Amino acid sequence: KALKGKGARSGIRIVYAYIAEKDEIYLIEIYSKNDKESEDHERIKQVVRQLKKQN
């Protein structure tokens, strides 16, 4: 969603992971769309793998 008073390209992205086996949700990152084109999918996959390994 765009920030109030800003254009359609403004706003934030929230990246999170739901680990079904643990029934837990983890916040990965929050960033402004202006700061970053898109998320790094490989880095996010690596973070999720690490989260799944934790107790």
PDB file of N, CA and C in Angstrom:
ATOM      1  N   LYS A   1       0.834  -1.171   0.000  1.00  0.00           N
ATOM      2  CA  LYS A   1       0.000   0.000   0.000  1.00  0.00           C
ATOM      3  C   LYS A   1       0.886   1.244   0.000  1.00  0.00           C
ATOM      4  N   ALA A   2       0.455   2.261  -0.716  1.00  0.00           N
ATOM      5  CA  ALA A   2       1.211   3.514  -0.777  1.00  0.00           C
ATOM      6  C   ALA A   2       1.073   4.276   0.537  1.00  0.00           C
ATOM      7  N   LEU A   3       2.112   5.021   0.866  1.00  0.00           N
ATOM      8  CA  LEU A   3       2.048   5.880   2.037  1.00  0.00           C
ATOM      9  C   LEU A   3       1.163   7.076   1.729  1.00  0.00           C
ATOM     10  N   LYS A   4       0.486   7.588   2.717  1.00  0.00           N
ATOM     11  CA  LYS A   4      -0.424   8.714   2.533  1.00  0.00           C
ATOM     12  C   LYS A   4       0.326   9.920   1.973  1.00  0.00           C
ATOM     13  N   GLY A   5      -0.209  10.496   0.917  1.00  0.00           N
ATOM     14  CA  GLY A   5       0.395  11.663   0.307  1.00  0.00           C
ATOM     15  C   GLY A   5       1.552  11.351  -0.618  1.00  0.00           C
ATOM     16  N   LYS A   6       1.809  10.087  -0.853  1.00  0.00           N
ATOM     17  CA  LYS A   6       2.919   9.670  -1.711  1.00  0.00           C
ATOM     18  C   LYS A   6       2.358   8.935  -2.920  1.00  0.00           C
ATOM     19  N   GLY A   7       3.197   8.670  -3.884  1.00  0.00           N
ATOM     20  CA  GLY A   7       2.778   7.966  -5.093  1.00  0.00           C
ATOM     21  C   GLY A   7       2.596   6.475  -4.869  1.00  0.00           C
ATOM     22  N   ALA A   8       2.140   5.802  -5.915  1.00  0.00           N
ATOM     23  CA  ALA A   8       1.864   4.367  -5.840  1.00  0.00           C
ATOM     24  C   ALA A   8       3.122   3.550  -5.557  1.00  0.00           C
ATOM     25  N   ARG A   9       4.287   4.071  -5.898  1.00  0.00           N
ATOM     26  CA  ARG A   9       5.534   3.331  -5.675  1.00  0.00           C
ATOM     27  C   ARG A   9       6.102   3.538  -4.279  1.00  0.00           C
ATOM     28  N   SER A  10       5.491   4.409  -3.512  1.00  0.00           N
ATOM     29  CA  SER A  10       5.964   4.595  -2.138  1.00  0.00           C
ATOM     30  C   SER A  10       5.365   3.494  -1.270  1.00  0.00           C
ATOM     31  N   GLY A  11       5.817   3.420  -0.077  1.00  0.00           N
ATOM     32  CA  GLY A  11       5.267   2.437   0.847  1.00  0.00           C
ATOM     33  C   GLY A  11       6.349   1.557   1.426  1.00  0.00           C
ATOM     34  N   ILE A  12       5.911   0.524   2.098  1.00  0.00           N
ATOM     35  CA  ILE A  12       6.857  -0.388   2.734  1.00  0.00           C
ATOM     36  C   ILE A  12       6.561  -1.822   2.319  1.00  0.00           C
ATOM     37  N   ARG A  13       7.566  -2.656   2.470  1.00  0.00           N
ATOM     38  CA  ARG A  13       7.404  -4.098   2.288  1.00  0.00           C
ATOM     39  C   ARG A  13       7.722  -4.748   3.628  1.00  0.00           C
ATOM     40  N   ILE A  14       6.930  -5.738   3.955  1.00  0.00           N
ATOM     41  CA  ILE A  14       7.150  -6.515   5.164  1.00  0.00           C
ATOM     42  C   ILE A  14       7.369  -7.951   4.718  1.00  0.00           C
ATOM     43  N   VAL A  15       8.521  -8.492   5.080  1.00  0.00           N
ATOM     44  CA  VAL A  15       8.860  -9.864   4.702  1.00  0.00           C
ATOM     45  C   VAL A  15       8.845 -10.695   5.979  1.00  0.00           C
ATOM     46  N   TYR A  16       8.045 -11.745   5.966  1.00  0.00           N
ATOM     47  CA  TYR A  16       7.943 -12.604   7.136  1.00  0.00           C
ATOM     48  C   TYR A  16       7.926 -14.058   6.705  1.00  0.00           C
ATOM     49  N   ALA A  17       8.159 -14.938   7.658  1.00  0.00           N
ATOM     50  CA  ALA A  17       8.147 -16.377   7.382  1.00  0.00           C
ATOM     51  C   ALA A  17       7.238 -17.060   8.388  1.00  0.00           C
ATOM     52  N   TYR A  18       6.386 -17.930   7.887  1.00  0.00           N
ATOM     53  CA  TYR A  18       5.550 -18.761   8.749  1.00  0.00           C
ATOM     54  C   TYR A  18       6.130 -20.163   8.718  1.00  0.00           C
ATOM     55  N   ILE A  19       6.531 -20.657   9.879  1.00  0.00           N
ATOM     56  CA  ILE A  19       7.085 -22.002   9.999  1.00  0.00           C
ATOM     57  C   ILE A  19       5.964 -22.886  10.541  1.00  0.00           C
ATOM     58  N   ALA A  20       5.331 -23.625   9.648  1.00  0.00           N
ATOM     59  CA  ALA A  20       4.144 -24.408  10.007  1.00  0.00           C
ATOM     60  C   ALA A  20       4.444 -25.456  11.070  1.00  0.00           C
ATOM     61  N   GLU A  21       5.613 -26.093  10.979  1.00  0.00           N
ATOM     62  CA  GLU A  21       5.966 -27.139  11.938  1.00  0.00           C
ATOM     63  C   GLU A  21       5.989 -26.619  13.375  1.00  0.00           C
ATOM     64  N   LYS A  22       6.311 -25.350  13.523  1.00  0.00           N
ATOM     65  CA  LYS A  22       6.393 -24.732  14.850  1.00  0.00           C
ATOM     66  C   LYS A  22       5.184 -23.850  15.146  1.00  0.00           C
ATOM     67  N   ASP A  23       4.352 -23.609  14.129  1.00  0.00           N
ATOM     68  CA  ASP A  23       3.217 -22.695  14.225  1.00  0.00           C
ATOM     69  C   ASP A  23       3.683 -21.323  14.723  1.00  0.00           C
ATOM     70  N   GLU A  24       4.774 -20.830  14.100  1.00  0.00           N
ATOM     71  CA  GLU A  24       5.369 -19.547  14.476  1.00  0.00           C
ATOM     72  C   GLU A  24       5.547 -18.661  13.247  1.00  0.00           C
ATOM     73  N   ILE A  25       5.460 -17.364  13.485  1.00  0.00           N
ATOM     74  CA  ILE A  25       5.682 -16.364  12.439  1.00  0.00           C
ATOM     75  C   ILE A  25       6.898 -15.542  12.843  1.00  0.00           C
ATOM     76  N   TYR A  26       7.817 -15.346  11.900  1.00  0.00           N
ATOM     77  CA  TYR A  26       9.037 -14.575  12.136  1.00  0.00           C
ATOM     78  C   TYR A  26       9.087 -13.381  11.200  1.00  0.00           C
ATOM     79  N   LEU A  27       9.417 -12.221  11.746  1.00  0.00           N
ATOM     80  CA  LEU A  27       9.650 -11.035  10.938  1.00  0.00           C
ATOM     81  C   LEU A  27      11.062 -11.127  10.380  1.00  0.00           C
ATOM     82  N   ILE A  28      11.181 -11.078   9.060  1.00  0.00           N
ATOM     83  CA  ILE A  28      12.492 -11.145   8.413  1.00  0.00           C
ATOM     84  C   ILE A  28      13.041  -9.736   8.225  1.00  0.00           C
ATOM     85  N   GLU A  29      12.249  -8.857   7.607  1.00  0.00           N
ATOM     86  CA  GLU A  29      12.693  -7.475   7.424  1.00  0.00           C
ATOM     87  C   GLU A  29      11.526  -6.583   7.032  1.00  0.00           C
ATOM     88  N   ILE A  30      11.702  -5.296   7.290  1.00  0.00           N
ATOM     89  CA  ILE A  30      10.780  -4.255   6.845  1.00  0.00           C
ATOM     90  C   ILE A  30      11.633  -3.216   6.149  1.00  0.00           C
ATOM     91  N   TYR A  31      11.222  -2.806   4.949  1.00  0.00           N
ATOM     92  CA  TYR A  31      11.986  -1.775   4.256  1.00  0.00           C
ATOM     93  C   TYR A  31      11.085  -0.939   3.364  1.00  0.00           C
ATOM     94  N   SER A  32      11.551   0.252   3.079  1.00  0.00           N
ATOM     95  CA  SER A  32      10.842   1.162   2.191  1.00  0.00           C
ATOM     96  C   SER A  32      11.030   0.707   0.755  1.00  0.00           C
ATOM     97  N   LYS A  33       9.967   0.748  -0.023  1.00  0.00           N
ATOM     98  CA  LYS A  33      10.068   0.369  -1.433  1.00  0.00           C
ATOM     99  C   LYS A  33      11.048   1.277  -2.173  1.00  0.00           C
ATOM    100  N   ASN A  34      11.200   2.504  -1.700  1.00  0.00           N
ATOM    101  CA  ASN A  34      12.136   3.438  -2.329  1.00  0.00           C
ATOM    102  C   ASN A  34      13.589   3.033  -2.098  1.00  0.00           C
ATOM    103  N   ASP A  35      13.854   2.321  -1.005  1.00  0.00           N
ATOM    104  CA  ASP A  35      15.221   1.935  -0.656  1.00  0.00           C
ATOM    105  C   ASP A  35      15.706   0.705  -1.401  1.00  0.00           C
ATOM    106  N   LYS A  36      14.780  -0.130  -1.833  1.00  0.00           N
ATOM    107  CA  LYS A  36      15.162  -1.426  -2.361  1.00  0.00           C
ATOM    108  C   LYS A  36      14.162  -1.855  -3.433  1.00  0.00           C
ATOM    109  N   GLU A  37      14.654  -2.330  -4.563  1.00  0.00           N
ATOM    110  CA  GLU A  37      13.777  -2.795  -5.647  1.00  0.00           C
ATOM    111  C   GLU A  37      12.959  -4.004  -5.221  1.00  0.00           C
ATOM    112  N   SER A  38      13.653  -5.026  -4.747  1.00  0.00           N
ATOM    113  CA  SER A  38      12.968  -6.246  -4.314  1.00  0.00           C
ATOM    114  C   SER A  38      13.838  -6.975  -3.300  1.00  0.00           C
ATOM    115  N   GLU A  39      13.245  -7.956  -2.668  1.00  0.00           N
ATOM    116  CA  GLU A  39      13.985  -8.710  -1.664  1.00  0.00           C
ATOM    117  C   GLU A  39      14.920  -9.719  -2.318  1.00  0.00           C
ATOM    118  N   ASP A  40      15.929 -10.114  -1.575  1.00  0.00           N
ATOM    119  CA  ASP A  40      16.899 -11.114  -2.026  1.00  0.00           C
ATOM    120  C   ASP A  40      16.345 -12.493  -1.662  1.00  0.00           C
ATOM    121  N   HIS A  41      15.749 -13.177  -2.619  1.00  0.00           N
ATOM    122  CA  HIS A  41      15.062 -14.443  -2.362  1.00  0.00           C
ATOM    123  C   HIS A  41      15.986 -15.512  -1.781  1.00  0.00           C
ATOM    124  N   GLU A  42      17.203 -15.596  -2.273  1.00  0.00           N
ATOM    125  CA  GLU A  42      18.134 -16.608  -1.758  1.00  0.00           C
ATOM    126  C   GLU A  42      18.485 -16.344  -0.298  1.00  0.00           C
ATOM    127  N   ARG A  43      18.691 -15.093   0.057  1.00  0.00           N
ATOM    128  CA  ARG A  43      19.000 -14.742   1.446  1.00  0.00           C
ATOM    129  C   ARG A  43      17.816 -15.081   2.346  1.00  0.00           C
ATOM    130  N   ILE A  44      16.617 -14.798   1.890  1.00  0.00           N
ATOM    131  CA  ILE A  44      15.423 -15.100   2.678  1.00  0.00           C
ATOM    132  C   ILE A  44      15.270 -16.608   2.857  1.00  0.00           C
ATOM    133  N   LYS A  45      15.508 -17.376   1.795  1.00  0.00           N
ATOM    134  CA  LYS A  45      15.441 -18.839   1.899  1.00  0.00           C
ATOM    135  C   LYS A  45      16.445 -19.354   2.924  1.00  0.00           C
ATOM    136  N   GLN A  46      17.636 -18.760   2.938  1.00  0.00           N
ATOM    137  CA  GLN A  46      18.664 -19.164   3.894  1.00  0.00           C
ATOM    138  C   GLN A  46      18.219 -18.864   5.329  1.00  0.00           C
ATOM    139  N   VAL A  47      17.627 -17.704   5.546  1.00  0.00           N
ATOM    140  CA  VAL A  47      17.133 -17.346   6.878  1.00  0.00           C
ATOM    141  C   VAL A  47      16.053 -18.330   7.318  1.00  0.00           C
ATOM    142  N   VAL A  48      15.148 -18.679   6.414  1.00  0.00           N
ATOM    143  CA  VAL A  48      14.074 -19.621   6.748  1.00  0.00           C
ATOM    144  C   VAL A  48      14.647 -20.995   7.093  1.00  0.00           C
ATOM    145  N   ARG A  49      15.635 -21.445   6.347  1.00  0.00           N
ATOM    146  CA  ARG A  49      16.277 -22.734   6.659  1.00  0.00           C
ATOM    147  C   ARG A  49      16.880 -22.711   8.061  1.00  0.00           C
ATOM    148  N   GLN A  50      17.530 -21.599   8.412  1.00  0.00           N
ATOM    149  CA  GLN A  50      18.125 -21.476   9.744  1.00  0.00           C
ATOM    150  C   GLN A  50      17.049 -21.473  10.828  1.00  0.00           C
ATOM    151  N   LEU A  51      15.941 -20.799  10.573  1.00  0.00           N
ATOM    152  CA  LEU A  51      14.851 -20.767  11.547  1.00  0.00           C
ATOM    153  C   LEU A  51      14.266 -22.157  11.770  1.00  0.00           C
ATOM    154  N   LYS A  52      14.153 -22.926  10.704  1.00  0.00           N
ATOM    155  CA  LYS A  52      13.602 -24.280  10.824  1.00  0.00           C
ATOM    156  C   LYS A  52      14.511 -25.195  11.634  1.00  0.00           C
ATOM    157  N   LYS A  53      15.816 -24.940  11.607  1.00  0.00           N
ATOM    158  CA  LYS A  53      16.781 -25.764  12.348  1.00  0.00           C
ATOM    159  C   LYS A  53      16.767 -25.472  13.844  1.00  0.00           C
ATOM    160  N   GLN A  54      16.364 -24.262  14.221  1.00  0.00           N
ATOM    161  CA  GLN A  54      16.362 -23.882  15.635  1.00  0.00           C
ATOM    162  C   GLN A  54      15.306 -24.677  16.390  1.00  0.00           C
ATOM    163  N   ASN A  55      15.546 -24.847  17.690  1.00  0.00           N
ATOM    164  CA  ASN A  55      14.572 -25.571  18.529  1.00  0.00           C
ATOM    165  C   ASN A  55      13.344 -24.768  18.654  1.00  0.00           C
TER     166      ASN A  55
END
